[in-house]
N, C-alpha and C. Protein backbone atom coordinates (compact mmCIF):
# COMPACT_ATOMS: atom_id res chain seq x y z
N MET A 1 -11.32 17.09 -21.77
CA MET A 1 -10.05 17.24 -22.42
C MET A 1 -10.20 18.09 -23.38
N LYS A 2 -9.18 19.22 -23.90
CA LYS A 2 -9.14 19.64 -24.80
C LYS A 2 -8.02 18.86 -25.83
N THR A 3 -8.42 18.58 -27.42
CA THR A 3 -7.77 18.14 -28.06
C THR A 3 -7.37 19.24 -29.24
N LEU A 4 -5.86 18.80 -29.68
CA LEU A 4 -5.52 19.87 -30.78
C LEU A 4 -5.89 19.27 -31.62
N LYS A 5 -6.23 20.42 -33.21
CA LYS A 5 -6.59 19.61 -34.17
C LYS A 5 -6.07 18.94 -34.91
N GLY A 6 -6.70 17.71 -35.33
CA GLY A 6 -5.97 16.54 -35.86
C GLY A 6 -5.07 15.20 -35.09
N TRP A 7 -5.36 15.75 -33.49
CA TRP A 7 -4.92 14.51 -32.80
C TRP A 7 -6.16 13.88 -32.02
N LYS A 8 -5.70 12.78 -31.31
CA LYS A 8 -7.09 12.24 -30.94
C LYS A 8 -6.09 11.68 -29.52
N TRP A 9 -7.34 11.05 -28.84
CA TRP A 9 -6.76 10.95 -27.36
C TRP A 9 -6.82 9.40 -27.10
N TYR A 10 -5.66 8.31 -27.22
CA TYR A 10 -5.65 7.56 -26.74
C TYR A 10 -5.53 6.39 -25.53
N VAL A 11 -6.42 5.67 -24.88
CA VAL A 11 -5.83 5.24 -23.46
C VAL A 11 -4.90 3.87 -23.54
N VAL A 12 -4.35 4.16 -22.51
CA VAL A 12 -3.27 2.90 -22.53
C VAL A 12 -3.23 2.52 -21.28
N GLU A 13 -3.50 1.05 -21.13
CA GLU A 13 -3.36 0.11 -19.81
C GLU A 13 -2.03 -0.51 -19.56
N TYR A 14 -1.60 -0.43 -18.46
CA TYR A 14 -0.73 -1.20 -17.62
C TYR A 14 -1.05 -2.01 -16.47
N GLU A 15 -0.42 -2.92 -16.24
CA GLU A 15 -0.26 -3.49 -14.75
C GLU A 15 0.77 -3.34 -13.92
N HIS A 16 0.26 -2.91 -12.67
CA HIS A 16 1.28 -2.45 -11.28
C HIS A 16 0.66 -3.16 -10.53
N ASP A 17 1.51 -3.83 -9.32
CA ASP A 17 1.30 -4.48 -8.39
C ASP A 17 -0.22 -5.29 -8.06
N GLY A 18 -0.25 -6.03 -9.52
CA GLY A 18 -1.47 -6.55 -9.24
C GLY A 18 -2.33 -6.30 -9.68
N SER A 19 -2.85 -4.72 -9.90
CA SER A 19 -4.18 -3.92 -10.73
C SER A 19 -3.72 -3.30 -11.87
N ASN A 20 -4.97 -3.07 -12.91
CA ASN A 20 -4.93 -2.58 -14.06
C ASN A 20 -4.80 -1.22 -13.67
N TRP A 21 -4.31 -0.40 -14.64
CA TRP A 21 -4.46 1.09 -14.66
C TRP A 21 -4.07 1.83 -15.71
N THR A 22 -4.62 3.20 -15.98
CA THR A 22 -4.68 3.42 -17.39
C THR A 22 -4.42 4.78 -16.96
N PHE A 23 -3.81 5.46 -18.53
CA PHE A 23 -3.40 6.68 -18.80
C PHE A 23 -3.92 7.20 -20.10
N ASP A 24 -3.76 8.17 -20.28
CA ASP A 24 -4.45 9.14 -21.72
C ASP A 24 -3.11 9.27 -22.66
N ILE A 25 -2.80 9.44 -23.70
CA ILE A 25 -2.08 10.09 -24.56
C ILE A 25 -2.61 10.41 -25.66
N LEU A 26 -1.93 11.75 -26.45
CA LEU A 26 -2.57 12.15 -27.05
C LEU A 26 -1.52 11.58 -28.57
N ALA A 27 -2.20 11.42 -29.53
CA ALA A 27 -1.25 10.85 -31.06
C ALA A 27 -2.19 11.48 -32.60
N ARG A 28 -1.72 11.55 -33.10
CA ARG A 28 -1.84 11.87 -34.55
C ARG A 28 -3.15 10.60 -35.07
N ASP A 29 -2.59 9.12 -35.01
CA ASP A 29 -3.58 7.88 -35.42
C ASP A 29 -2.86 6.63 -34.63
N ASP A 30 -3.78 5.85 -35.06
CA ASP A 30 -3.51 4.38 -34.47
C ASP A 30 -1.83 3.90 -34.60
N ASP A 31 -1.27 4.12 -35.57
CA ASP A 31 0.01 3.78 -35.60
C ASP A 31 1.15 4.77 -34.63
N ASP A 32 0.96 6.04 -34.86
CA ASP A 32 1.36 7.02 -33.68
C ASP A 32 1.25 6.97 -32.24
N ALA A 33 0.13 6.46 -32.26
CA ALA A 33 -0.21 5.98 -30.45
C ALA A 33 0.50 4.59 -30.29
N SER A 34 0.65 3.80 -31.05
CA SER A 34 1.22 2.66 -30.96
C SER A 34 2.97 3.07 -30.56
N ARG A 35 3.43 3.86 -31.34
CA ARG A 35 4.89 4.13 -31.24
C ARG A 35 5.45 4.73 -30.27
N ARG A 36 4.32 5.78 -29.92
CA ARG A 36 4.63 6.48 -28.69
C ARG A 36 4.69 5.78 -27.33
N VAL A 37 3.40 4.52 -27.60
CA VAL A 37 3.56 3.34 -26.12
C VAL A 37 4.86 2.55 -26.21
N GLU A 38 5.32 2.20 -27.17
CA GLU A 38 6.50 1.56 -27.49
C GLU A 38 7.60 2.31 -27.15
N ASN A 39 7.84 3.61 -27.29
CA ASN A 39 8.80 4.33 -26.70
C ASN A 39 8.69 5.12 -25.04
N LEU A 40 7.92 4.76 -24.47
CA LEU A 40 7.63 5.06 -23.12
C LEU A 40 8.75 4.41 -22.31
N PHE A 41 9.71 3.45 -22.51
CA PHE A 41 10.81 3.18 -21.83
C PHE A 41 11.68 4.03 -21.74
N ASN A 42 12.00 4.95 -22.45
CA ASN A 42 12.47 6.44 -22.74
C ASN A 42 12.17 7.24 -21.59
N ALA A 43 10.77 7.35 -21.16
CA ALA A 43 9.91 8.28 -20.15
C ALA A 43 10.53 8.13 -18.99
N LYS A 44 10.71 9.50 -18.52
CA LYS A 44 11.15 9.86 -16.91
C LYS A 44 10.20 10.57 -16.29
N LEU A 45 10.15 10.34 -14.95
CA LEU A 45 8.94 11.00 -14.18
C LEU A 45 9.76 12.47 -13.87
N LEU A 46 8.66 13.58 -14.39
CA LEU A 46 8.92 14.67 -14.04
C LEU A 46 8.45 15.13 -12.62
N GLY A 47 7.58 14.49 -11.99
CA GLY A 47 7.09 15.13 -10.45
C GLY A 47 5.56 15.06 -10.62
N GLN A 48 5.01 15.41 -9.69
CA GLN A 48 3.70 15.18 -9.36
C GLN A 48 2.92 16.47 -10.22
N HIS A 49 1.61 15.89 -11.30
CA HIS A 49 0.93 17.25 -11.43
C HIS A 49 -0.22 17.73 -10.28
N VAL A 50 0.17 19.22 -10.44
CA VAL A 50 -0.64 19.60 -9.13
C VAL A 50 -1.46 20.94 -9.81
N ALA A 51 -1.14 21.02 -11.07
CA ALA A 51 -1.89 22.20 -11.82
C ALA A 51 -2.12 22.05 -13.17
N THR A 52 -2.97 22.48 -14.06
CA THR A 52 -3.26 22.49 -15.50
C THR A 52 -3.00 24.07 -15.93
N ILE A 53 -2.08 24.82 -16.27
CA ILE A 53 -2.36 26.35 -16.54
C ILE A 53 -2.90 26.48 -18.02
N PRO A 54 -4.04 27.13 -17.70
CA PRO A 54 -4.57 27.70 -19.20
C PRO A 54 -3.73 28.09 -19.78
N ALA A 55 -3.57 28.00 -21.16
CA ALA A 55 -2.76 28.32 -22.24
C ALA A 55 -3.16 29.88 -22.77
N ALA A 56 -4.61 30.12 -23.07
CA ALA A 56 -5.10 31.23 -23.33
C ALA A 56 -6.05 32.17 -22.72
N SER A 57 -5.54 32.04 -21.38
CA SER A 57 -6.42 32.99 -20.15
C SER A 57 -5.64 34.03 -19.49
N GLY A 58 -6.06 34.77 -19.10
CA GLY A 58 -5.51 35.77 -18.13
C GLY A 58 -5.00 35.31 -17.01
N ILE A 59 -5.85 34.33 -16.32
CA ILE A 59 -5.48 33.91 -15.04
C ILE A 59 -4.42 32.93 -15.30
N SER A 60 -3.58 32.92 -16.36
CA SER A 60 -2.43 31.77 -16.52
C SER A 60 -1.15 32.30 -15.72
N LEU A 61 -0.81 33.82 -15.59
CA LEU A 61 -0.03 34.38 -15.33
C LEU A 61 0.18 34.19 -13.86
N VAL A 62 -0.89 34.54 -12.99
CA VAL A 62 -1.24 33.77 -11.61
C VAL A 62 -0.71 32.61 -11.40
N VAL A 63 -1.36 31.58 -12.33
CA VAL A 63 -1.15 30.18 -11.80
C VAL A 63 0.31 29.86 -11.89
N ARG A 64 1.00 30.34 -13.02
CA ARG A 64 2.10 30.19 -13.19
C ARG A 64 2.96 30.78 -12.01
N LEU A 65 2.73 31.76 -11.41
CA LEU A 65 3.28 32.11 -10.47
C LEU A 65 3.40 31.46 -8.91
N MET A 66 1.87 31.08 -8.93
CA MET A 66 1.74 29.92 -7.85
C MET A 66 2.38 28.52 -7.99
N CYS A 67 2.67 27.95 -9.25
CA CYS A 67 3.59 26.82 -9.32
C CYS A 67 4.87 27.57 -9.14
N TRP A 68 5.18 28.49 -9.33
CA TRP A 68 6.85 28.65 -9.09
C TRP A 68 7.03 28.80 -7.63
N VAL A 69 6.21 29.67 -6.82
CA VAL A 69 6.31 30.06 -5.31
C VAL A 69 6.25 28.43 -4.90
N ARG A 70 5.17 27.38 -5.26
CA ARG A 70 5.13 26.04 -4.61
C ARG A 70 6.35 25.02 -4.97
N ASN A 71 6.86 25.19 -5.93
CA ASN A 71 8.06 24.78 -6.48
C ASN A 71 9.46 25.18 -5.76
N LEU A 72 9.62 26.47 -5.40
CA LEU A 72 10.43 27.14 -4.55
C LEU A 72 10.90 26.19 -3.34
N PHE A 73 9.46 26.13 -2.71
CA PHE A 73 9.69 25.35 -1.17
C PHE A 73 9.05 23.95 -0.97
N ALA A 74 9.30 23.41 -2.25
CA ALA A 74 8.97 21.69 -2.40
C ALA A 74 10.24 21.09 -2.28
């Protein structure tokens, strides 16, 4: 996973249906990571993650078009 300069990856753990699960978040430091986790009650589900679009690649336009077409028929 690529990291923005000055940012670090933190692992968040939660329990669901009797199992423990994890996901990663980006934060500037431990305090920032803790505050972000505390604010997760404000989170909303946006949908299924189906692709990652490369930001600085010539292929990004093709991937964006593919995502647009997929969402059109979803």
